[in-house]
N, C-alpha and C. Protein backbone atom coordinates (compact mmCIF):
# COMPACT_ATOMS: atom_id res chain seq x y z
N LEU A 1 118.66 252.53 187.21
CA LEU A 1 118.40 251.21 188.22
C LEU A 1 119.23 250.84 189.11
N SER A 2 119.24 250.54 190.36
CA SER A 2 120.96 249.84 190.86
C SER A 2 120.90 248.58 190.22
N LEU A 3 122.29 247.91 190.83
CA LEU A 3 122.20 246.37 190.46
C LEU A 3 121.46 245.74 191.49
N HIS A 4 121.10 246.24 192.64
CA HIS A 4 120.05 245.48 193.18
C HIS A 4 118.70 245.49 193.04
N ASP A 5 118.25 246.46 192.19
CA ASP A 5 116.89 246.24 191.97
C ASP A 5 116.81 245.55 190.75
N ALA A 6 118.10 245.57 189.57
CA ALA A 6 118.06 245.29 188.43
C ALA A 6 117.81 243.56 188.69
N LEU A 7 118.69 242.50 189.67
CA LEU A 7 118.77 241.53 189.72
C LEU A 7 117.69 240.66 189.63
N PRO A 8 116.24 240.94 190.17
CA PRO A 8 115.29 240.34 189.83
C PRO A 8 114.68 240.28 188.43
N ILE A 9 115.09 241.19 187.86
CA ILE A 9 114.38 241.31 186.42
C ILE A 9 115.24 240.23 185.38
N LEU A 10 116.52 240.80 185.95
CA LEU A 10 117.91 239.68 185.47
C LEU A 10 117.46 238.32 185.73
N ASN A 11 117.29 237.77 187.07
CA ASN A 11 117.08 236.74 187.22
C ASN A 11 115.82 235.79 186.95
N LEU A 12 114.70 236.29 186.97
CA LEU A 12 113.09 236.23 186.93
C LEU A 12 112.62 236.43 185.58
N ALA A 13 113.25 237.06 184.80
CA ALA A 13 112.55 237.55 183.59
C ALA A 13 113.39 237.55 182.38
N LEU A 14 114.33 237.85 182.39
CA LEU A 14 115.02 238.01 181.07
C LEU A 14 116.19 236.80 181.19
N GLU A 15 116.49 236.16 181.95
CA GLU A 15 117.13 234.68 181.93
C GLU A 15 116.27 233.55 181.73
N PRO A 16 115.10 233.34 182.28
CA PRO A 16 114.08 232.07 181.70
C PRO A 16 113.85 232.56 180.26
N GLU A 17 113.59 233.56 179.89
CA GLU A 17 113.16 233.93 178.82
C GLU A 17 114.29 233.34 177.52
N CYS A 18 115.70 234.00 178.01
CA CYS A 18 116.87 233.52 177.08
C CYS A 18 117.25 232.29 177.02
N SER A 19 117.16 231.38 178.29
CA SER A 19 117.06 229.96 178.40
C SER A 19 116.02 228.95 177.51
N GLU A 20 115.23 229.73 177.49
CA GLU A 20 114.09 228.52 176.98
C GLU A 20 114.00 227.92 176.08
N ASP A 21 114.58 228.50 174.83
CA ASP A 21 115.09 227.58 173.87
C ASP A 21 116.06 226.35 173.98
N LEU A 22 116.97 226.86 174.82
CA LEU A 22 118.51 226.42 175.15
C LEU A 22 117.46 225.04 175.62
N TYR A 23 116.94 224.70 176.80
CA TYR A 23 116.60 223.42 177.32
C TYR A 23 115.35 223.24 176.68
N ARG A 24 114.77 223.86 175.98
CA ARG A 24 113.55 223.19 175.28
C ARG A 24 114.27 221.97 174.08
N LEU A 25 115.38 222.73 173.61
CA LEU A 25 115.79 221.77 172.61
C LEU A 25 116.51 220.81 173.17
N ILE A 26 116.97 220.86 174.11
CA ILE A 26 117.99 219.64 174.65
C ILE A 26 117.01 218.64 175.63
N LYS A 27 116.00 218.90 176.27
CA LYS A 27 115.13 217.91 176.89
C LYS A 27 114.31 217.48 176.16
N THR A 28 113.19 218.59 175.41
CA THR A 28 112.60 217.47 174.24
C THR A 28 113.09 216.55 173.48
N GLY A 29 114.10 217.72 172.21
CA GLY A 29 114.63 217.20 171.73
C GLY A 29 115.81 215.88 171.79
N LYS A 30 115.61 215.70 172.76
CA LYS A 30 116.64 214.43 173.41
C LYS A 30 118.36 214.98 172.71
N ARG A 31 118.25 216.30 172.29
CA ARG A 31 119.71 216.78 171.67
C ARG A 31 121.06 216.35 172.59
N PRO A 32 121.93 215.91 172.01
CA PRO A 32 123.06 215.51 172.53
C PRO A 32 124.20 216.61 172.89
N TYR A 33 124.71 217.17 174.09
CA TYR A 33 125.67 218.15 174.66
C TYR A 33 126.53 218.02 175.05
N SER A 34 127.23 218.74 175.56
CA SER A 34 128.46 218.50 176.41
C SER A 34 128.34 219.93 177.34
N ILE A 35 128.96 219.47 178.52
CA ILE A 35 128.76 220.54 179.52
C ILE A 35 130.52 220.62 179.74
N MET A 36 130.79 222.20 180.11
CA MET A 36 131.76 222.48 180.42
C MET A 36 132.31 223.33 181.70
N VAL A 37 132.93 222.86 182.48
CA VAL A 37 133.01 223.22 183.97
C VAL A 37 134.19 224.15 184.18
N ASP A 38 134.36 225.20 184.94
CA ASP A 38 135.71 225.78 185.60
C ASP A 38 135.04 226.33 186.55
N GLU A 39 136.05 226.27 188.07
CA GLU A 39 136.00 226.87 189.34
C GLU A 39 136.78 228.17 189.45
N SER A 40 136.34 229.06 189.96
CA SER A 40 137.41 230.09 190.19
C SER A 40 138.04 229.99 191.13
N ASN A 41 138.84 230.92 191.55
CA ASN A 41 140.18 230.27 192.35
C ASN A 41 140.45 231.69 193.18
N ASP A 42 139.69 232.89 193.25
CA ASP A 42 139.68 233.83 193.63
C ASP A 42 139.55 233.82 195.23
N ILE A 43 140.62 233.88 196.20
CA ILE A 43 140.78 233.65 197.69
C ILE A 43 140.17 234.77 198.45
N MET A 44 139.97 235.82 197.63
CA MET A 44 139.42 236.88 198.88
C MET A 44 137.71 237.08 198.70
N CYS A 45 137.01 236.30 197.92
CA CYS A 45 136.01 235.82 197.82
C CYS A 45 135.11 234.74 197.55
N GLU A 46 133.79 234.80 197.69
CA GLU A 46 133.23 233.31 197.41
C GLU A 46 133.97 232.59 196.25
N LYS A 47 133.72 231.35 196.09
CA LYS A 47 134.53 230.81 195.03
C LYS A 47 133.74 230.29 194.10
N GLU A 48 133.13 230.35 193.19
CA GLU A 48 131.94 229.88 192.10
C GLU A 48 132.52 229.02 191.27
N CYS A 49 131.16 227.86 190.66
CA CYS A 49 131.69 227.05 189.65
C CYS A 49 130.80 227.33 188.57
N ASP A 50 131.70 227.62 187.44
CA ASP A 50 130.80 228.06 186.17
C ASP A 50 130.57 227.03 185.54
N ILE A 51 129.16 226.83 184.87
CA ILE A 51 128.59 225.30 184.57
C ILE A 51 128.31 225.93 183.04
N LEU A 52 128.81 225.46 181.66
CA LEU A 52 128.30 226.10 180.58
C LEU A 52 127.96 224.87 179.93
N VAL A 53 127.14 224.81 178.90
CA VAL A 53 126.65 223.60 177.80
C VAL A 53 126.99 224.01 176.01
N ARG A 54 127.24 223.22 175.58
CA ARG A 54 127.70 223.34 174.22
C ARG A 54 127.35 222.13 173.45
N TYR A 55 126.34 223.00 172.39
CA TYR A 55 125.22 221.98 171.56
C TYR A 55 125.22 222.72 170.33
N TYR A 56 124.42 221.56 169.25
CA TYR A 56 124.33 222.25 168.03
C TYR A 56 123.22 223.05 168.05
N SER A 57 122.86 224.47 167.60
CA SER A 57 121.88 225.14 167.63
C SER A 57 121.26 225.36 165.93
N GLU A 58 119.99 224.64 166.08
CA GLU A 58 119.53 224.94 164.50
C GLU A 58 119.32 225.91 164.09
N ALA A 59 118.43 226.82 165.09
CA ALA A 59 118.61 228.50 164.95
C ALA A 59 119.65 229.12 164.60
N GLN A 60 120.48 228.70 165.17
CA GLN A 60 122.19 229.53 164.56
C GLN A 60 122.78 229.05 163.61
N ASP A 61 122.45 227.87 163.00
CA ASP A 61 123.13 227.11 162.17
C ASP A 61 124.69 227.02 162.91
N LYS A 62 124.89 226.61 163.82
CA LYS A 62 126.26 226.02 164.48
C LYS A 62 126.52 225.67 165.69
N VAL A 63 127.24 225.23 166.26
CA VAL A 63 127.57 225.07 167.70
C VAL A 63 127.92 226.11 168.39
N THR A 64 126.88 226.01 169.72
CA THR A 64 126.87 227.20 170.08
C THR A 64 127.12 226.80 171.83
N VAL A 65 127.65 228.27 172.63
CA VAL A 65 127.70 227.72 173.83
C VAL A 65 127.12 228.80 174.87
N GLU A 66 126.14 227.98 175.78
CA GLU A 66 125.06 228.72 176.51
C GLU A 66 125.49 228.48 178.29
N PHE A 67 125.34 229.51 178.67
CA PHE A 67 125.27 229.71 180.50
C PHE A 67 124.03 228.76 181.07
N VAL A 68 124.87 227.89 181.81
CA VAL A 68 123.56 227.28 182.83
C VAL A 68 123.51 227.41 184.29
N ASP A 69 124.40 227.94 184.43
CA ASP A 69 124.79 228.41 186.51
C ASP A 69 125.67 228.42 186.91
N MET A 70 125.97 228.82 187.98
CA MET A 70 127.26 229.36 188.46
C MET A 70 127.02 229.26 190.19
N PRO A 71 127.03 228.50 190.78
CA PRO A 71 126.85 228.16 192.11
C PRO A 71 127.97 228.66 192.95
N VAL A 72 127.84 228.93 193.84
CA VAL A 72 128.90 229.12 194.89
C VAL A 72 128.96 227.74 195.61
N CYS A 73 130.65 227.67 195.47
CA CYS A 73 131.30 226.34 195.83
C CYS A 73 132.67 226.54 196.46
N ASN A 74 132.37 226.84 197.98
CA ASN A 74 133.73 227.43 198.51
C ASN A 74 134.61 225.87 199.08
N ASP A 75 134.04 225.11 199.13
CA ASP A 75 134.79 223.41 199.71
C ASP A 75 134.97 222.94 198.14
N VAL A 76 136.13 222.91 197.16
CA VAL A 76 136.16 222.55 195.91
C VAL A 76 136.84 221.05 196.01
N LYS A 77 136.21 220.28 196.87
CA LYS A 77 136.20 218.72 196.83
C LYS A 77 135.32 217.82 195.71
N ALA A 78 136.28 217.02 195.16
CA ALA A 78 135.21 216.56 193.96
C ALA A 78 133.75 216.30 194.28
N ALA A 79 133.89 215.70 195.23
CA ALA A 79 132.58 215.39 195.50
C ALA A 79 131.74 216.53 195.64
N ASN A 80 132.02 217.59 196.21
CA ASN A 80 130.70 218.65 196.42
C ASN A 80 130.96 219.15 195.28
N LEU A 81 131.88 219.39 194.38
CA LEU A 81 131.48 219.91 192.60
C LEU A 81 130.73 219.26 191.83
N PHE A 82 130.65 217.94 191.99
CA PHE A 82 129.92 217.21 191.17
C PHE A 82 128.72 217.49 192.12
N ASN A 83 128.26 217.50 192.90
CA ASN A 83 127.17 217.64 193.54
C ASN A 83 126.63 219.09 193.15
N TYR A 84 127.42 220.15 192.89
CA TYR A 84 126.97 221.26 192.85
C TYR A 84 126.35 221.23 191.18
N ILE A 85 127.39 220.49 190.32
CA ILE A 85 127.13 220.39 188.88
C ILE A 85 125.80 219.57 188.29
N ALA A 86 125.43 218.48 189.48
CA ALA A 86 124.06 217.60 189.06
C ALA A 86 123.27 218.43 189.44
N SER A 87 123.31 218.90 190.72
CA SER A 87 122.05 219.85 191.21
C SER A 87 121.65 220.96 190.24
N SER A 88 122.33 221.55 189.56
CA SER A 88 122.08 222.35 188.52
C SER A 88 121.79 221.93 187.36
N MET A 89 122.03 220.75 187.15
CA MET A 89 121.62 220.27 186.01
C MET A 89 120.19 219.47 186.01
N HIS A 90 119.89 219.29 187.17
CA HIS A 90 118.46 218.35 187.31
C HIS A 90 117.63 219.73 187.95
N ASP A 91 117.94 221.08 188.19
CA ASP A 91 117.32 221.78 188.28
C ASP A 91 116.68 222.68 187.05
N LYS A 92 117.39 222.28 185.91
CA LYS A 92 117.44 222.66 184.51
C LYS A 92 116.97 221.54 183.59
N GLY A 93 116.63 220.13 183.97
CA GLY A 93 115.92 219.42 183.53
C GLY A 93 116.73 218.74 182.46
N LEU A 94 118.58 218.97 182.68
CA LEU A 94 118.99 218.31 181.82
C LEU A 94 119.40 217.29 182.20
N GLU A 95 119.24 215.69 181.58
CA GLU A 95 119.64 214.57 181.66
C GLU A 95 120.87 214.20 181.13
N TRP A 96 121.43 213.26 182.17
CA TRP A 96 123.04 212.85 181.62
C TRP A 96 122.58 212.05 180.83
N SER A 97 121.72 211.02 180.35
CA SER A 97 122.08 210.43 178.95
C SER A 97 121.90 210.91 177.96
N ASN A 98 121.58 212.53 178.15
CA ASN A 98 122.26 212.95 176.39
C ASN A 98 123.32 214.27 176.85
N CYS A 99 124.17 213.68 177.89
CA CYS A 99 125.44 214.18 177.54
C CYS A 99 126.77 213.35 177.19
N VAL A 100 127.48 214.13 176.47
CA VAL A 100 128.25 213.46 175.32
C VAL A 100 129.61 213.50 175.72
N GLY A 101 129.74 214.85 176.47
CA GLY A 101 130.90 215.39 176.53
C GLY A 101 131.34 216.22 177.84
N PHE A 102 132.59 216.22 178.51
CA PHE A 102 133.23 216.64 179.50
C PHE A 102 134.22 217.48 179.47
N SER A 103 134.14 218.90 179.99
CA SER A 103 135.78 220.08 179.46
C SER A 103 135.65 220.59 180.57
N SER A 104 136.84 220.22 181.52
CA SER A 104 137.58 221.35 182.53
C SER A 104 138.83 221.41 182.33
N ASP A 105 139.26 221.86 183.58
CA ASP A 105 141.03 222.01 183.36
C ASP A 105 141.40 220.81 184.04
N ASN A 106 142.61 220.63 184.27
CA ASN A 106 143.23 219.20 183.87
C ASN A 106 143.85 218.52 185.66
N CYS A 107 143.27 219.42 186.51
CA CYS A 107 143.59 218.99 187.52
C CYS A 107 142.75 217.89 188.00
N ASN A 108 143.71 217.15 189.02
CA ASN A 108 143.25 215.82 189.53
C ASN A 108 141.52 215.67 190.28
N VAL A 109 141.34 216.83 190.68
CA VAL A 109 140.10 216.51 191.14
C VAL A 109 139.14 216.96 190.41
N MET A 110 139.48 217.30 189.26
CA MET A 110 138.77 217.47 188.00
C MET A 110 138.42 216.70 187.20
N ILE A 111 139.37 215.94 186.55
CA ILE A 111 139.58 214.73 185.77
C ILE A 111 140.38 213.47 186.21
N GLY A 112 140.81 213.60 187.52
CA GLY A 112 141.72 212.46 187.79
C GLY A 112 140.86 210.95 187.72
N LYS A 113 141.78 209.83 187.64
CA LYS A 113 141.04 208.27 187.34
C LYS A 113 140.31 207.99 188.29
N ASN A 114 140.56 208.51 189.65
CA ASN A 114 139.77 208.08 190.61
C ASN A 114 139.36 209.29 191.64
N ASN A 115 137.81 208.94 192.13
CA ASN A 115 137.47 209.87 193.32
C ASN A 115 137.92 211.12 192.51
N SER A 116 137.31 211.71 191.66
CA SER A 116 137.36 213.03 190.77
C SER A 116 135.93 213.61 190.48
N VAL A 117 135.71 214.93 189.91
CA VAL A 117 134.32 214.79 189.23
C VAL A 117 134.29 213.94 188.38
N LEU A 118 135.25 213.70 187.15
CA LEU A 118 134.88 213.12 186.04
C LEU A 118 134.58 211.74 186.30
N SER A 119 135.22 211.13 187.37
CA SER A 119 135.04 209.72 187.51
C SER A 119 133.25 209.36 188.16
N ARG A 120 132.87 211.02 188.85
CA ARG A 120 131.63 210.33 189.20
C ARG A 120 130.67 210.63 187.94
N VAL A 121 130.92 211.78 187.17
CA VAL A 121 130.25 211.78 185.43
C VAL A 121 130.18 210.82 184.97
N LYS A 122 131.42 209.89 184.81
CA LYS A 122 131.14 208.60 184.12
C LYS A 122 129.93 207.53 184.87
N ALA A 123 130.00 208.00 186.03
CA ALA A 123 129.02 206.90 187.08
C ALA A 123 127.64 206.89 186.38
N GLN A 124 127.30 208.44 185.80
CA GLN A 124 125.99 208.72 185.41
C GLN A 124 126.04 208.33 183.88
N ALA A 125 127.01 208.76 183.20
CA ALA A 125 127.19 208.69 181.89
C ALA A 125 128.55 208.03 181.01
N PRO A 126 128.37 206.82 181.26
CA PRO A 126 129.64 205.68 181.16
C PRO A 126 130.45 206.23 180.00
N TYR A 127 130.03 206.52 178.70
CA TYR A 127 130.12 207.01 177.17
C TYR A 127 130.58 208.29 177.39
N ILE A 128 130.45 209.28 178.49
CA ILE A 128 131.15 210.24 178.02
C ILE A 128 132.65 210.52 177.73
N TYR A 129 132.63 211.76 176.60
CA TYR A 129 134.25 211.84 176.20
C TYR A 129 134.71 213.10 176.93
N SER A 130 135.87 212.92 177.67
CA SER A 130 136.86 213.99 178.25
C SER A 130 137.32 214.57 177.42
N VAL A 131 137.38 215.89 177.41
CA VAL A 131 138.25 216.57 176.81
C VAL A 131 139.39 217.08 177.26
N GLY A 132 139.12 217.51 178.80
CA GLY A 132 140.14 218.48 179.33
C GLY A 132 140.31 219.81 179.13
N CYS A 133 141.04 220.57 179.13
CA CYS A 133 141.24 222.10 178.60
C CYS A 133 142.46 221.65 177.46
N PRO A 134 142.24 221.99 176.18
CA PRO A 134 143.10 222.18 175.16
C PRO A 134 143.79 223.14 175.47
N SER A 135 143.53 224.28 176.22
CA SER A 135 144.55 225.82 176.00
C SER A 135 145.68 225.39 177.30
N HIS A 136 145.70 224.60 178.19
CA HIS A 136 146.45 224.19 179.12
C HIS A 136 147.49 223.23 178.69
N LEU A 137 146.89 222.22 177.53
CA LEU A 137 147.85 221.23 176.97
C LEU A 137 148.73 221.89 175.67
N VAL A 138 148.17 222.89 175.54
CA VAL A 138 148.82 223.89 174.34
C VAL A 138 150.07 224.04 175.40
N ASN A 139 149.32 224.88 176.36
CA ASN A 139 150.64 225.93 176.92
C ASN A 139 151.61 224.94 177.38
N ILE A 140 151.44 223.88 178.14
CA ILE A 140 152.25 222.70 178.49
C ILE A 140 153.32 222.37 177.46
N CYS A 141 153.03 222.26 176.12
CA CYS A 141 153.59 221.72 174.94
C CYS A 141 154.57 222.75 174.79
N ALA A 142 154.18 223.92 174.79
CA ALA A 142 154.68 225.31 174.23
C ALA A 142 155.93 225.67 175.35
N LYS A 143 155.38 225.53 176.78
CA LYS A 143 156.55 225.51 177.91
C LYS A 143 157.70 224.64 177.86
N THR A 144 157.62 223.76 177.49
CA THR A 144 158.46 222.43 177.20
C THR A 144 159.57 222.52 176.08
N ALA A 145 158.86 222.90 174.96
CA ALA A 145 159.73 223.33 173.84
C ALA A 145 160.70 224.23 174.02
N ALA A 146 159.85 225.35 174.86
CA ALA A 146 160.94 226.73 175.28
C ALA A 146 162.15 226.26 176.05
N LYS A 147 161.94 225.56 176.63
CA LYS A 147 163.04 225.05 177.78
C LYS A 147 164.44 224.49 176.64
N GLU A 148 164.24 224.04 175.24
CA GLU A 148 165.13 224.24 174.46
C GLU A 148 166.18 225.30 174.00
N LEU A 149 165.15 226.27 174.26
CA LEU A 149 166.23 227.74 173.93
C LEU A 149 167.08 228.19 174.98
N SER A 150 167.83 228.81 174.35
CA SER A 150 168.89 229.16 175.30
C SER A 150 168.68 230.43 176.69
N LEU A 151 167.38 231.04 176.01
CA LEU A 151 166.88 232.15 176.97
C LEU A 151 165.40 231.73 177.58
N SER A 152 165.13 231.69 179.00
CA SER A 152 163.46 231.17 178.64
C SER A 152 162.68 232.85 178.88
N PRO A 153 161.72 232.60 177.70
CA PRO A 153 161.34 234.19 177.30
C PRO A 153 160.32 234.27 178.49
N GLU A 154 159.66 233.51 178.92
CA GLU A 154 158.90 233.55 180.38
C GLU A 154 159.52 234.43 181.99
N GLU A 155 161.21 233.65 181.90
CA GLU A 155 162.06 234.59 182.80
C GLU A 155 162.62 236.01 182.68
N LEU A 156 162.66 236.13 181.10
CA LEU A 156 163.00 237.75 180.50
C LEU A 156 162.04 238.41 180.60
N LEU A 157 160.72 237.78 180.62
CA LEU A 157 159.58 239.03 180.92
C LEU A 157 159.71 239.55 182.32
N ILE A 158 159.66 238.54 183.14
CA ILE A 158 159.85 238.67 184.64
C ILE A 158 160.42 239.53 185.16
N ASP A 159 161.81 239.38 184.64
CA ASP A 159 163.00 239.92 185.30
C ASP A 159 163.17 241.51 184.66
N ILE A 160 162.40 241.68 183.20
CA ILE A 160 162.25 243.00 183.00
C ILE A 160 161.35 244.02 183.77
N TYR A 161 160.35 243.31 183.95
CA TYR A 161 159.28 244.13 184.65
C TYR A 161 159.81 244.20 186.22
N TYR A 162 159.94 243.20 186.90
CA TYR A 162 160.15 243.01 188.51
C TYR A 162 161.21 243.41 188.95
N TYR A 163 162.14 243.37 187.86
CA TYR A 163 163.80 243.78 188.57
C TYR A 163 164.46 244.94 188.00
N TYR A 164 163.59 245.27 186.91
CA TYR A 164 163.99 246.70 186.27
C TYR A 164 163.23 247.60 186.31
N PHE A 165 161.76 247.60 185.89
CA PHE A 165 160.98 248.85 186.08
C PHE A 165 159.53 248.84 186.78
N GLU A 166 159.43 247.82 187.74
CA GLU A 166 158.34 247.66 188.62
C GLU A 166 158.57 248.84 189.35
N LYS A 167 159.73 249.25 190.46
CA LYS A 167 160.01 250.46 191.21
C LYS A 167 160.52 251.39 191.22
N SER A 168 160.91 251.75 189.79
CA SER A 168 161.44 252.42 189.55
C SER A 168 161.23 253.31 188.61
N SER A 169 160.32 254.84 188.88
CA SER A 169 159.84 255.56 188.16
C SER A 169 161.18 256.14 186.90
N LYS A 170 162.11 256.52 187.57
CA LYS A 170 163.37 256.98 186.63
C LYS A 170 163.72 255.91 185.32
N ARG A 171 163.94 254.88 185.79
CA ARG A 171 163.97 253.66 184.68
C ARG A 171 162.87 253.83 183.64
N ARG A 172 161.76 253.83 184.44
CA ARG A 172 160.36 253.77 183.20
C ARG A 172 160.30 255.29 182.28
N GLU A 173 160.86 256.48 183.27
CA GLU A 173 160.88 258.01 182.47
C GLU A 173 162.26 257.69 180.87
N ASP A 174 163.55 256.98 181.82
CA ASP A 174 164.11 256.74 180.63
C ASP A 174 163.91 256.03 179.77
N LEU A 175 163.17 254.87 179.77
CA LEU A 175 162.71 253.72 178.71
C LEU A 175 161.71 254.79 177.89
N LYS A 176 160.88 255.99 177.85
CA LYS A 176 160.26 256.39 177.05
C LYS A 176 161.52 257.10 176.06
N GLU A 177 162.38 257.80 176.55
CA GLU A 177 163.25 258.52 175.47
C GLU A 177 164.16 257.37 174.70
N PHE A 178 164.14 256.07 175.14
CA PHE A 178 164.77 255.37 174.03
C PHE A 178 163.40 254.76 173.07
N GLN A 179 162.39 254.53 173.49
CA GLN A 179 161.22 254.52 172.64
C GLN A 179 160.87 255.46 171.61
N ASP A 180 161.23 256.87 172.05
CA ASP A 180 160.94 257.82 171.17
C ASP A 180 162.39 257.79 170.23
N PHE A 181 163.47 257.56 170.55
CA PHE A 181 164.80 257.36 169.49
C PHE A 181 164.39 256.44 168.56
N CYS A 182 163.65 255.43 169.19
CA CYS A 182 163.31 254.04 168.03
C CYS A 182 162.27 253.94 167.74
N ASN A 183 161.39 255.13 167.70
CA ASN A 183 160.33 255.53 166.90
C ASN A 183 159.34 254.01 166.82
N VAL A 184 159.01 253.89 168.39
CA VAL A 184 158.05 252.75 168.91
C VAL A 184 156.79 253.92 169.60
N ALA A 185 156.03 252.95 170.23
CA ALA A 185 154.83 253.85 170.68
C ALA A 185 155.47 253.55 172.21
N GLN A 186 155.30 254.75 172.89
CA GLN A 186 155.19 255.35 174.70
C GLN A 186 154.35 253.92 175.26
N GLN A 187 154.66 252.69 175.80
CA GLN A 187 153.50 251.67 176.23
C GLN A 187 153.98 251.60 177.50
N ARG A 188 153.37 250.97 178.47
CA ARG A 188 153.78 250.81 180.17
C ARG A 188 154.46 249.07 179.79
N VAL A 189 155.21 248.97 180.41
CA VAL A 189 155.82 247.80 180.70
C VAL A 189 155.03 246.43 181.28
N GLN A 190 154.88 245.66 180.38
CA GLN A 190 153.69 244.82 180.40
C GLN A 190 154.52 243.94 181.63
N LYS A 191 153.34 243.51 182.58
CA LYS A 191 153.48 242.73 183.74
C LYS A 191 153.04 241.12 183.13
N HIS A 192 154.08 240.07 183.68
CA HIS A 192 153.38 239.04 183.52
C HIS A 192 153.35 238.03 184.64
N CYS A 193 152.02 237.57 184.90
CA CYS A 193 152.16 236.93 186.19
C CYS A 193 152.14 235.33 185.77
N PRO A 194 153.11 234.81 186.41
CA PRO A 194 153.51 233.15 186.36
C PRO A 194 152.02 232.28 186.26
N THR A 195 151.20 232.48 187.52
CA THR A 195 150.33 231.89 187.86
C THR A 195 148.88 232.22 186.96
N ARG A 196 149.32 233.23 185.88
CA ARG A 196 147.89 233.35 184.99
C ARG A 196 148.86 233.36 183.36
N TRP A 197 148.92 231.96 183.02
CA TRP A 197 149.49 232.13 181.75
C TRP A 197 148.87 232.78 180.56
N LEU A 198 147.66 232.99 180.27
CA LEU A 198 146.99 234.14 179.20
C LEU A 198 148.12 235.16 179.04
N SER A 199 148.52 235.81 180.21
CA SER A 199 149.23 236.99 180.26
C SER A 199 150.73 236.99 179.74
N LEU A 200 151.27 235.64 179.14
CA LEU A 200 152.56 235.36 178.73
C LEU A 200 152.30 235.51 177.30
N GLY A 201 151.36 235.67 176.57
CA GLY A 201 151.38 235.75 174.79
C GLY A 201 151.00 237.06 174.88
N LYS A 202 150.50 237.85 175.85
CA LYS A 202 150.29 239.78 175.53
C LYS A 202 151.77 239.75 176.05
N GLY A 203 152.14 239.50 176.95
CA GLY A 203 153.37 239.81 177.69
C GLY A 203 154.59 239.47 176.69
N LEU A 204 154.71 238.70 175.53
CA LEU A 204 155.41 238.26 174.22
C LEU A 204 155.46 239.08 173.11
N ASP A 205 153.97 239.47 173.14
CA ASP A 205 153.70 240.63 172.25
C ASP A 205 154.50 242.06 172.19
N HIS A 206 154.12 242.13 173.33
CA HIS A 206 154.65 243.57 174.13
C HIS A 206 156.22 243.47 174.08
N LEU A 207 156.80 242.84 174.37
CA LEU A 207 158.16 242.45 174.26
C LEU A 207 158.52 242.96 172.50
N LEU A 208 158.21 242.09 171.64
CA LEU A 208 158.41 242.10 170.27
C LEU A 208 158.39 243.30 169.81
N ASN A 209 157.01 243.95 170.11
CA ASN A 209 157.01 245.12 169.59
C ASN A 209 157.85 246.30 170.17
N GLN A 210 158.41 246.12 171.52
CA GLN A 210 158.89 246.95 172.08
C GLN A 210 160.59 246.81 171.79
N TRP A 211 161.04 245.45 171.36
CA TRP A 211 162.30 245.29 171.18
C TRP A 211 163.63 245.85 170.82
N PRO A 212 162.92 246.90 169.84
CA PRO A 212 164.40 248.04 169.50
C PRO A 212 164.67 248.58 170.71
N ALA A 213 163.29 249.49 171.55
CA ALA A 213 163.87 250.21 172.72
C ALA A 213 164.64 249.63 173.62
N PHE A 214 163.63 248.48 173.95
CA PHE A 214 164.50 247.74 174.97
C PHE A 214 166.11 247.18 175.04
N SER A 215 166.05 247.03 173.86
CA SER A 215 167.55 246.34 173.21
C SER A 215 168.87 247.63 173.28
N SER A 216 168.21 248.79 173.11
CA SER A 216 168.74 249.85 172.97
C SER A 216 169.23 250.21 174.57
N TYR A 217 167.85 250.38 175.49
CA TYR A 217 168.06 250.59 176.26
C TYR A 217 168.81 249.75 177.24
N PHE A 218 168.94 248.27 176.99
CA PHE A 218 170.00 247.70 178.07
C PHE A 218 171.23 247.47 177.59
N GLU A 219 171.54 247.81 176.30
CA GLU A 219 173.16 247.99 175.32
C GLU A 219 173.76 249.18 176.47
N SER A 220 172.78 250.21 176.36
CA SER A 220 173.43 251.95 176.71
C SER A 220 174.03 251.16 178.52
């Protein structure tokens, strides 16, 4: 079964069945819920706006997150993003009066005081609570604290990968000898992309695990 043939089954059969309980609880039970929104930033294809809903599920006895919609939104102005969100909620029968929370990234388009998605959301639900993205806020705090260090961990990761190992197969082979000598696993040097801050944690974990090998390599 090809993906093309499977899409009607997924969209017209499985998705409505899986989402039935979600919409029934929120619509008929007047259950409070929060929406979480994030837009893609891939410049090579159509941009999409992911819309999730967070609510308490008695069946699962926990707060759960469910998928609502993922409309294409290539023009990511605040008015357009809000219209896509509002349209998706209307199609699913989700009322703004039950929406108590809004979570997104922290850019001005999303949560700015004026002319943002959030300002338009508050026009529909004045008492809604905006969370923003806690992960982004924690990342900002961590980067600010790291400025007090004598050496930037992020710059160290970038220097090791881009300036020493990315384009030199000989250096990568030399590093393997130091990994064997220091009795650490032979792993590829991790690439950290500065615009993808989630890769920083993985890169630092790799650096610490491989530190004996890296330290011996550069001291030599």
